[in-house]
Amino acid sequence: MQSNEQLTRLLEASYAKLSEINTNMLKVFWIVAVFALLYFGLMLYMLFFR
């Protein structure tokens, strides 16, 4: 039983770390998406209203 408890704690720690990584990656994705939209908006502006 000691092994099962240790394995459970290890899995919970792994899940917590993966959740933190997931949150950080989503933040990075949204930051990149905002700058990509700004960039393509600027390119479209320069293409049609120059």
PDB file of N, CA and C in Angstrom:
ATOM      1  N   MET A   1       0.815  -1.212   0.000  1.00  0.00           N
ATOM      2  CA  MET A   1       0.000   0.000   0.000  1.00  0.00           C
ATOM      3  C   MET A   1       0.849   1.263   0.000  1.00  0.00           C
ATOM      4  N   GLN A   2       2.003   1.201   0.603  1.00  0.00           N
ATOM      5  CA  GLN A   2       2.901   2.355   0.630  1.00  0.00           C
ATOM      6  C   GLN A   2       3.263   2.771  -0.795  1.00  0.00           C
ATOM      7  N   SER A   3       3.462   1.799  -1.661  1.00  0.00           N
ATOM      8  CA  SER A   3       3.832   2.085  -3.041  1.00  0.00           C
ATOM      9  C   SER A   3       2.707   2.810  -3.770  1.00  0.00           C
ATOM     10  N   ASN A   4       1.459   2.397  -3.510  1.00  0.00           N
ATOM     11  CA  ASN A   4       0.324   3.049  -4.165  1.00  0.00           C
ATOM     12  C   ASN A   4       0.184   4.500  -3.724  1.00  0.00           C
ATOM     13  N   GLU A   5       0.401   4.772  -2.455  1.00  0.00           N
ATOM     14  CA  GLU A   5       0.302   6.142  -1.959  1.00  0.00           C
ATOM     15  C   GLU A   5       1.412   7.008  -2.546  1.00  0.00           C
ATOM     16  N   GLN A   6       2.603   6.437  -2.640  1.00  0.00           N
ATOM     17  CA  GLN A   6       3.712   7.171  -3.216  1.00  0.00           C
ATOM     18  C   GLN A   6       3.464   7.447  -4.699  1.00  0.00           C
ATOM     19  N   LEU A   7       2.942   6.464  -5.399  1.00  0.00           N
ATOM     20  CA  LEU A   7       2.625   6.632  -6.812  1.00  0.00           C
ATOM     21  C   LEU A   7       1.537   7.687  -7.000  1.00  0.00           C
ATOM     22  N   THR A   8       0.541   7.675  -6.133  1.00  0.00           N
ATOM     23  CA  THR A   8      -0.533   8.664  -6.213  1.00  0.00           C
ATOM     24  C   THR A   8       0.011  10.065  -6.002  1.00  0.00           C
ATOM     25  N   ARG A   9       0.889  10.250  -5.010  1.00  0.00           N
ATOM     26  CA  ARG A   9       1.488  11.564  -4.767  1.00  0.00           C
ATOM     27  C   ARG A   9       2.328  12.015  -5.954  1.00  0.00           C
ATOM     28  N   LEU A  10       3.060  11.079  -6.552  1.00  0.00           N
ATOM     29  CA  LEU A  10       3.878  11.407  -7.714  1.00  0.00           C
ATOM     30  C   LEU A  10       3.011  11.821  -8.903  1.00  0.00           C
ATOM     31  N   LEU A  11       1.916  11.108  -9.108  1.00  0.00           N
ATOM     32  CA  LEU A  11       1.007  11.456 -10.203  1.00  0.00           C
ATOM     33  C   LEU A  11       0.340  12.805  -9.973  1.00  0.00           C
ATOM     34  N   GLU A  12      -0.014  13.092  -8.732  1.00  0.00           N
ATOM     35  CA  GLU A  12      -0.630  14.385  -8.428  1.00  0.00           C
ATOM     36  C   GLU A  12       0.361  15.519  -8.658  1.00  0.00           C
ATOM     37  N   ALA A  13       1.624  15.303  -8.283  1.00  0.00           N
ATOM     38  CA  ALA A  13       2.644  16.330  -8.511  1.00  0.00           C
ATOM     39  C   ALA A  13       2.868  16.530 -10.008  1.00  0.00           C
ATOM     40  N   SER A  14       2.891  15.435 -10.756  1.00  0.00           N
ATOM     41  CA  SER A  14       3.063  15.534 -12.207  1.00  0.00           C
ATOM     42  C   SER A  14       1.887  16.272 -12.839  1.00  0.00           C
ATOM     43  N   TYR A  15       0.680  15.958 -12.394  1.00  0.00           N
ATOM     44  CA  TYR A  15      -0.512  16.625 -12.926  1.00  0.00           C
ATOM     45  C   TYR A  15      -0.470  18.127 -12.626  1.00  0.00           C
ATOM     46  N   ALA A  16      -0.037  18.497 -11.420  1.00  0.00           N
ATOM     47  CA  ALA A  16       0.040  19.911 -11.066  1.00  0.00           C
ATOM     48  C   ALA A  16       1.055  20.634 -11.949  1.00  0.00           C
ATOM     49  N   LYS A  17       2.194  20.002 -12.174  1.00  0.00           N
ATOM     50  CA  LYS A  17       3.221  20.632 -13.006  1.00  0.00           C
ATOM     51  C   LYS A  17       2.741  20.764 -14.453  1.00  0.00           C
ATOM     52  N   LEU A  18       2.090  19.731 -14.985  1.00  0.00           N
ATOM     53  CA  LEU A  18       1.566  19.801 -16.344  1.00  0.00           C
ATOM     54  C   LEU A  18       0.467  20.852 -16.476  1.00  0.00           C
ATOM     55  N   SER A  19      -0.342  21.011 -15.454  1.00  0.00           N
ATOM     56  CA  SER A  19      -1.376  22.050 -15.475  1.00  0.00           C
ATOM     57  C   SER A  19      -0.748  23.439 -15.505  1.00  0.00           C
ATOM     58  N   GLU A  20       0.326  23.613 -14.744  1.00  0.00           N
ATOM     59  CA  GLU A  20       1.031  24.902 -14.742  1.00  0.00           C
ATOM     60  C   GLU A  20       1.645  25.179 -16.115  1.00  0.00           C
ATOM     61  N   ILE A  21       2.251  24.170 -16.721  1.00  0.00           N
ATOM     62  CA  ILE A  21       2.830  24.328 -18.055  1.00  0.00           C
ATOM     63  C   ILE A  21       1.745  24.655 -19.068  1.00  0.00           C
ATOM     64  N   ASN A  22       0.594  23.983 -18.958  1.00  0.00           N
ATOM     65  CA  ASN A  22      -0.519  24.241 -19.867  1.00  0.00           C
ATOM     66  C   ASN A  22      -0.995  25.680 -19.759  1.00  0.00           C
ATOM     67  N   THR A  23      -1.113  26.178 -18.534  1.00  0.00           N
ATOM     68  CA  THR A  23      -1.548  27.560 -18.324  1.00  0.00           C
ATOM     69  C   THR A  23      -0.556  28.534 -18.952  1.00  0.00           C
ATOM     70  N   ASN A  24       0.727  28.280 -18.732  1.00  0.00           N
ATOM     71  CA  ASN A  24       1.745  29.170 -19.306  1.00  0.00           C
ATOM     72  C   ASN A  24       1.735  29.125 -20.824  1.00  0.00           C
ATOM     73  N   MET A  25       1.568  27.948 -21.402  1.00  0.00           N
ATOM     74  CA  MET A  25       1.547  27.840 -22.859  1.00  0.00           C
ATOM     75  C   MET A  25       0.329  28.541 -23.452  1.00  0.00           C
ATOM     76  N   LEU A  26      -0.802  28.490 -22.765  1.00  0.00           N
ATOM     77  CA  LEU A  26      -1.980  29.212 -23.251  1.00  0.00           C
ATOM     78  C   LEU A  26      -1.751  30.718 -23.218  1.00  0.00           C
ATOM     79  N   LYS A  27      -1.087  31.208 -22.178  1.00  0.00           N
ATOM     80  CA  LYS A  27      -0.770  32.638 -22.113  1.00  0.00           C
ATOM     81  C   LYS A  27       0.137  33.036 -23.274  1.00  0.00           C
ATOM     82  N   VAL A  28       1.155  32.229 -23.546  1.00  0.00           N
ATOM     83  CA  VAL A  28       2.067  32.510 -24.657  1.00  0.00           C
ATOM     84  C   VAL A  28       1.305  32.487 -25.976  1.00  0.00           C
ATOM     85  N   PHE A  29       0.413  31.501 -26.149  1.00  0.00           N
ATOM     86  CA  PHE A  29      -0.373  31.418 -27.377  1.00  0.00           C
ATOM     87  C   PHE A  29      -1.183  32.691 -27.595  1.00  0.00           C
ATOM     88  N   TRP A  30      -1.868  33.182 -26.563  1.00  0.00           N
ATOM     89  CA  TRP A  30      -2.704  34.366 -26.738  1.00  0.00           C
ATOM     90  C   TRP A  30      -1.874  35.611 -27.011  1.00  0.00           C
ATOM     91  N   ILE A  31      -0.700  35.715 -26.390  1.00  0.00           N
ATOM     92  CA  ILE A  31       0.170  36.864 -26.659  1.00  0.00           C
ATOM     93  C   ILE A  31       0.633  36.836 -28.114  1.00  0.00           C
ATOM     94  N   VAL A  32       1.059  35.671 -28.587  1.00  0.00           N
ATOM     95  CA  VAL A  32       1.499  35.543 -29.982  1.00  0.00           C
ATOM     96  C   VAL A  32       0.340  35.811 -30.932  1.00  0.00           C
ATOM     97  N   ALA A  33      -0.846  35.328 -30.600  1.00  0.00           N
ATOM     98  CA  ALA A  33      -2.014  35.546 -31.461  1.00  0.00           C
ATOM     99  C   ALA A  33      -2.346  37.035 -31.583  1.00  0.00           C
ATOM    100  N   VAL A  34      -2.258  37.771 -30.494  1.00  0.00           N
ATOM    101  CA  VAL A  34      -2.550  39.207 -30.541  1.00  0.00           C
ATOM    102  C   VAL A  34      -1.550  39.921 -31.443  1.00  0.00           C
ATOM    103  N   PHE A  35      -0.267  39.614 -31.285  1.00  0.00           N
ATOM    104  CA  PHE A  35       0.725  40.279 -32.124  1.00  0.00           C
ATOM    105  C   PHE A  35       0.604  39.855 -33.584  1.00  0.00           C
ATOM    106  N   ALA A  36       0.223  38.610 -33.845  1.00  0.00           N
ATOM    107  CA  ALA A  36       0.025  38.172 -35.226  1.00  0.00           C
ATOM    108  C   ALA A  36      -1.139  38.934 -35.856  1.00  0.00           C
ATOM    109  N   LEU A  37      -2.216  39.114 -35.119  1.00  0.00           N
ATOM    110  CA  LEU A  37      -3.349  39.876 -35.648  1.00  0.00           C
ATOM    111  C   LEU A  37      -2.964  41.330 -35.916  1.00  0.00           C
ATOM    112  N   LEU A  38      -2.198  41.917 -35.014  1.00  0.00           N
ATOM    113  CA  LEU A  38      -1.737  43.287 -35.246  1.00  0.00           C
ATOM    114  C   LEU A  38      -0.856  43.371 -36.490  1.00  0.00           C
ATOM    115  N   TYR A  39       0.024  42.400 -36.657  1.00  0.00           N
ATOM    116  CA  TYR A  39       0.922  42.379 -37.812  1.00  0.00           C
ATOM    117  C   TYR A  39       0.137  42.246 -39.118  1.00  0.00           C
ATOM    118  N   PHE A  40      -0.786  41.283 -39.182  1.00  0.00           N
ATOM    119  CA  PHE A  40      -1.545  41.098 -40.413  1.00  0.00           C
ATOM    120  C   PHE A  40      -2.491  42.271 -40.666  1.00  0.00           C
ATOM    121  N   GLY A  41      -2.999  42.868 -39.597  1.00  0.00           N
ATOM    122  CA  GLY A  41      -3.805  44.073 -39.779  1.00  0.00           C
ATOM    123  C   GLY A  41      -2.994  45.199 -40.377  1.00  0.00           C
ATOM    124  N   LEU A  42      -1.763  45.360 -39.907  1.00  0.00           N
ATOM    125  CA  LEU A  42      -0.879  46.376 -40.461  1.00  0.00           C
ATOM    126  C   LEU A  42      -0.545  46.078 -41.919  1.00  0.00           C
ATOM    127  N   MET A  43      -0.308  44.818 -42.253  1.00  0.00           N
ATOM    128  CA  MET A  43       0.001  44.451 -43.639  1.00  0.00           C
ATOM    129  C   MET A  43      -1.191  44.744 -44.553  1.00  0.00           C
ATOM    130  N   LEU A  44      -2.398  44.410 -44.092  1.00  0.00           N
ATOM    131  CA  LEU A  44      -3.590  44.707 -44.894  1.00  0.00           C
ATOM    132  C   LEU A  44      -3.791  46.209 -45.049  1.00  0.00           C
ATOM    133  N   TYR A  45      -3.561  46.951 -43.994  1.00  0.00           N
ATOM    134  CA  TYR A  45      -3.672  48.406 -44.055  1.00  0.00           C
ATOM    135  C   TYR A  45      -2.697  48.996 -45.071  1.00  0.00           C
ATOM    136  N   MET A  46      -1.448  48.513 -45.007  1.00  0.00           N
ATOM    137  CA  MET A  46      -0.445  49.019 -45.939  1.00  0.00           C
ATOM    138  C   MET A  46      -0.732  48.589 -47.374  1.00  0.00           C
ATOM    139  N   LEU A  47      -1.359  47.428 -47.555  1.00  0.00           N
ATOM    140  CA  LEU A  47      -1.665  46.951 -48.887  1.00  0.00           C
ATOM    141  C   LEU A  47      -2.777  47.769 -49.548  1.00  0.00           C
ATOM    142  N   PHE A  48      -3.822  48.082 -48.800  1.00  0.00           N
ATOM    143  CA  PHE A  48      -4.991  48.717 -49.399  1.00  0.00           C
ATOM    144  C   PHE A  48      -5.057  50.226 -49.212  1.00  0.00           C
ATOM    145  N   PHE A  49      -4.458  50.782 -48.187  1.00  0.00           N
ATOM    146  CA  PHE A  49      -4.624  52.228 -47.903  1.00  0.00           C
ATOM    147  C   PHE A  49      -3.312  52.992 -48.015  1.00  0.00           C
ATOM    148  N   ARG A  50      -2.394  52.487 -48.776  1.00  0.00           N
ATOM    149  CA  ARG A  50      -1.115  53.164 -48.904  1.00  0.00           C
ATOM    150  C   ARG A  50      -1.128  54.168 -50.025  1.00  0.00           C
TER     151      ARG A  50
END
